[in-house]
Amino acid sequence: MLWLSNDAGKSVALYKVAINHPGSLSNSTASKAVDGDIRSILTGSAAACAHTTLGSVDDPAWWRVDLEESYRILGIKIYNREQEGKSI
């Protein structure tokens, strides 16, 4: 989950359009990073994390969110996924 804090402490990325390249694991689409759910489950029907598939040197992986307007960002918090009980 991505949290971009504005002057009011609210996330300006929440529910905005997010995309990634080259793709996502099933149920781990880019929109999961801006849906407000901070659970760290990566796979299955309860998946709560975004996951971009591996790119290459010539075609690197990326993820982005369209904030739709300019904001003064005061803080960035990224909630990472867990694997075998450890944040990676």
Protein backbone atom coordinates (compact mmCIF):
# COMPACT_ATOMS: atom_id res chain seq x y z
CA MET A 1 0.00 0.00 0.00
CA LEU A 2 1.24 3.49 -0.84
CA TRP A 3 0.39 6.45 1.40
CA LEU A 4 1.25 9.95 0.15
CA SER A 5 0.40 12.43 2.92
CA ASN A 6 -0.80 15.95 2.22
CA ASP A 7 -1.14 18.91 4.62
CA ALA A 8 -4.18 17.29 6.27
CA GLY A 9 -2.38 13.95 6.78
CA LYS A 10 -4.61 12.19 4.25
CA SER A 11 -3.39 10.05 1.38
CA VAL A 12 -3.78 11.85 -1.93
CA ALA A 13 -3.18 8.55 -3.78
CA LEU A 14 -6.14 6.73 -2.24
CA TYR A 15 -8.42 5.21 -4.93
CA LYS A 16 -6.58 6.96 -7.77
CA VAL A 17 -5.72 5.16 -11.03
CA ALA A 18 -2.56 3.04 -10.67
CA ILE A 19 -0.81 1.09 -13.43
CA ASN A 20 2.32 -1.02 -13.74
CA HIS A 21 4.51 -2.59 -16.40
CA PRO A 22 5.13 -5.28 -17.57
CA GLY A 23 2.23 -6.79 -15.61
CA SER A 24 0.94 -8.15 -12.31
CA LEU A 25 0.52 -11.45 -10.58
CA SER A 26 -3.14 -12.49 -10.71
CA ASN A 27 -5.15 -10.78 -7.94
CA SER A 28 -2.17 -8.47 -7.23
CA THR A 29 -2.99 -5.62 -9.59
CA ALA A 30 -1.54 -2.10 -9.34
CA SER A 31 -4.81 -0.76 -7.90
CA LYS A 32 -4.19 -2.80 -4.71
CA ALA A 33 -1.47 -0.28 -3.77
CA VAL A 34 -3.97 2.59 -3.50
CA ASP A 35 -7.07 0.85 -2.09
CA GLY A 36 -6.36 1.63 1.58
CA ASP A 37 -5.84 -2.02 2.59
CA ILE A 38 -2.49 -2.42 4.40
CA ARG A 39 -2.64 -6.21 4.77
CA SER A 40 0.47 -7.91 3.39
CA ILE A 41 -1.16 -10.92 1.68
CA LEU A 42 0.28 -11.35 -1.82
CA THR A 43 -1.57 -14.26 -3.41
CA GLY A 44 -4.90 -16.06 -3.43
CA SER A 45 -8.44 -14.75 -3.22
CA ALA A 46 -7.53 -12.59 -0.19
CA ALA A 47 -4.62 -10.88 -2.00
CA ALA A 48 -4.15 -7.34 -0.71
CA CYS A 49 -0.82 -6.31 -2.26
CA ALA A 50 0.20 -4.96 -5.64
CA HIS A 51 3.00 -6.89 -7.34
CA THR A 52 4.71 -5.93 -10.58
CA THR A 53 6.22 -8.80 -12.54
CA LEU A 54 9.94 -8.78 -13.22
CA GLY A 55 11.15 -6.63 -16.08
CA SER A 56 14.53 -6.73 -17.80
CA VAL A 57 17.52 -4.44 -18.32
CA ASP A 58 16.05 -3.26 -21.63
CA ASP A 59 12.45 -3.12 -20.35
CA PRO A 60 12.49 -2.42 -16.58
CA ALA A 61 9.49 -2.89 -14.33
CA TRP A 62 7.66 0.19 -13.04
CA TRP A 63 4.53 1.23 -11.16
CA ARG A 64 2.81 4.62 -11.04
CA VAL A 65 -0.28 6.39 -9.77
CA ASP A 66 -2.01 9.35 -11.40
CA LEU A 67 -2.74 11.88 -8.63
CA GLU A 68 -4.87 13.87 -11.12
CA GLU A 69 -3.52 17.21 -9.86
CA SER A 70 -0.52 18.73 -8.07
CA TYR A 71 -0.15 18.26 -4.32
CA ARG A 72 2.33 19.26 -1.66
CA ILE A 73 3.51 15.86 -0.38
CA LEU A 74 4.70 15.89 3.23
CA GLY A 75 5.29 12.18 3.69
CA ILE A 76 5.51 8.87 1.85
CA LYS A 77 4.80 5.52 3.47
CA ILE A 78 5.10 2.23 1.59
CA TYR A 79 3.66 -0.90 3.16
CA ASN A 80 5.63 -3.87 1.84
CA ARG A 81 4.43 -7.44 1.48
CA GLU A 82 5.52 -10.28 3.70
CA GLN A 83 6.82 -13.68 2.76
CA GLU A 84 7.21 -16.38 5.40
CA GLY A 85 6.45 -13.81 8.10
CA LYS A 86 9.19 -11.37 7.03
CA SER A 87 8.82 -8.06 5.20
CA ILE A 88 10.61 -8.12 1.85
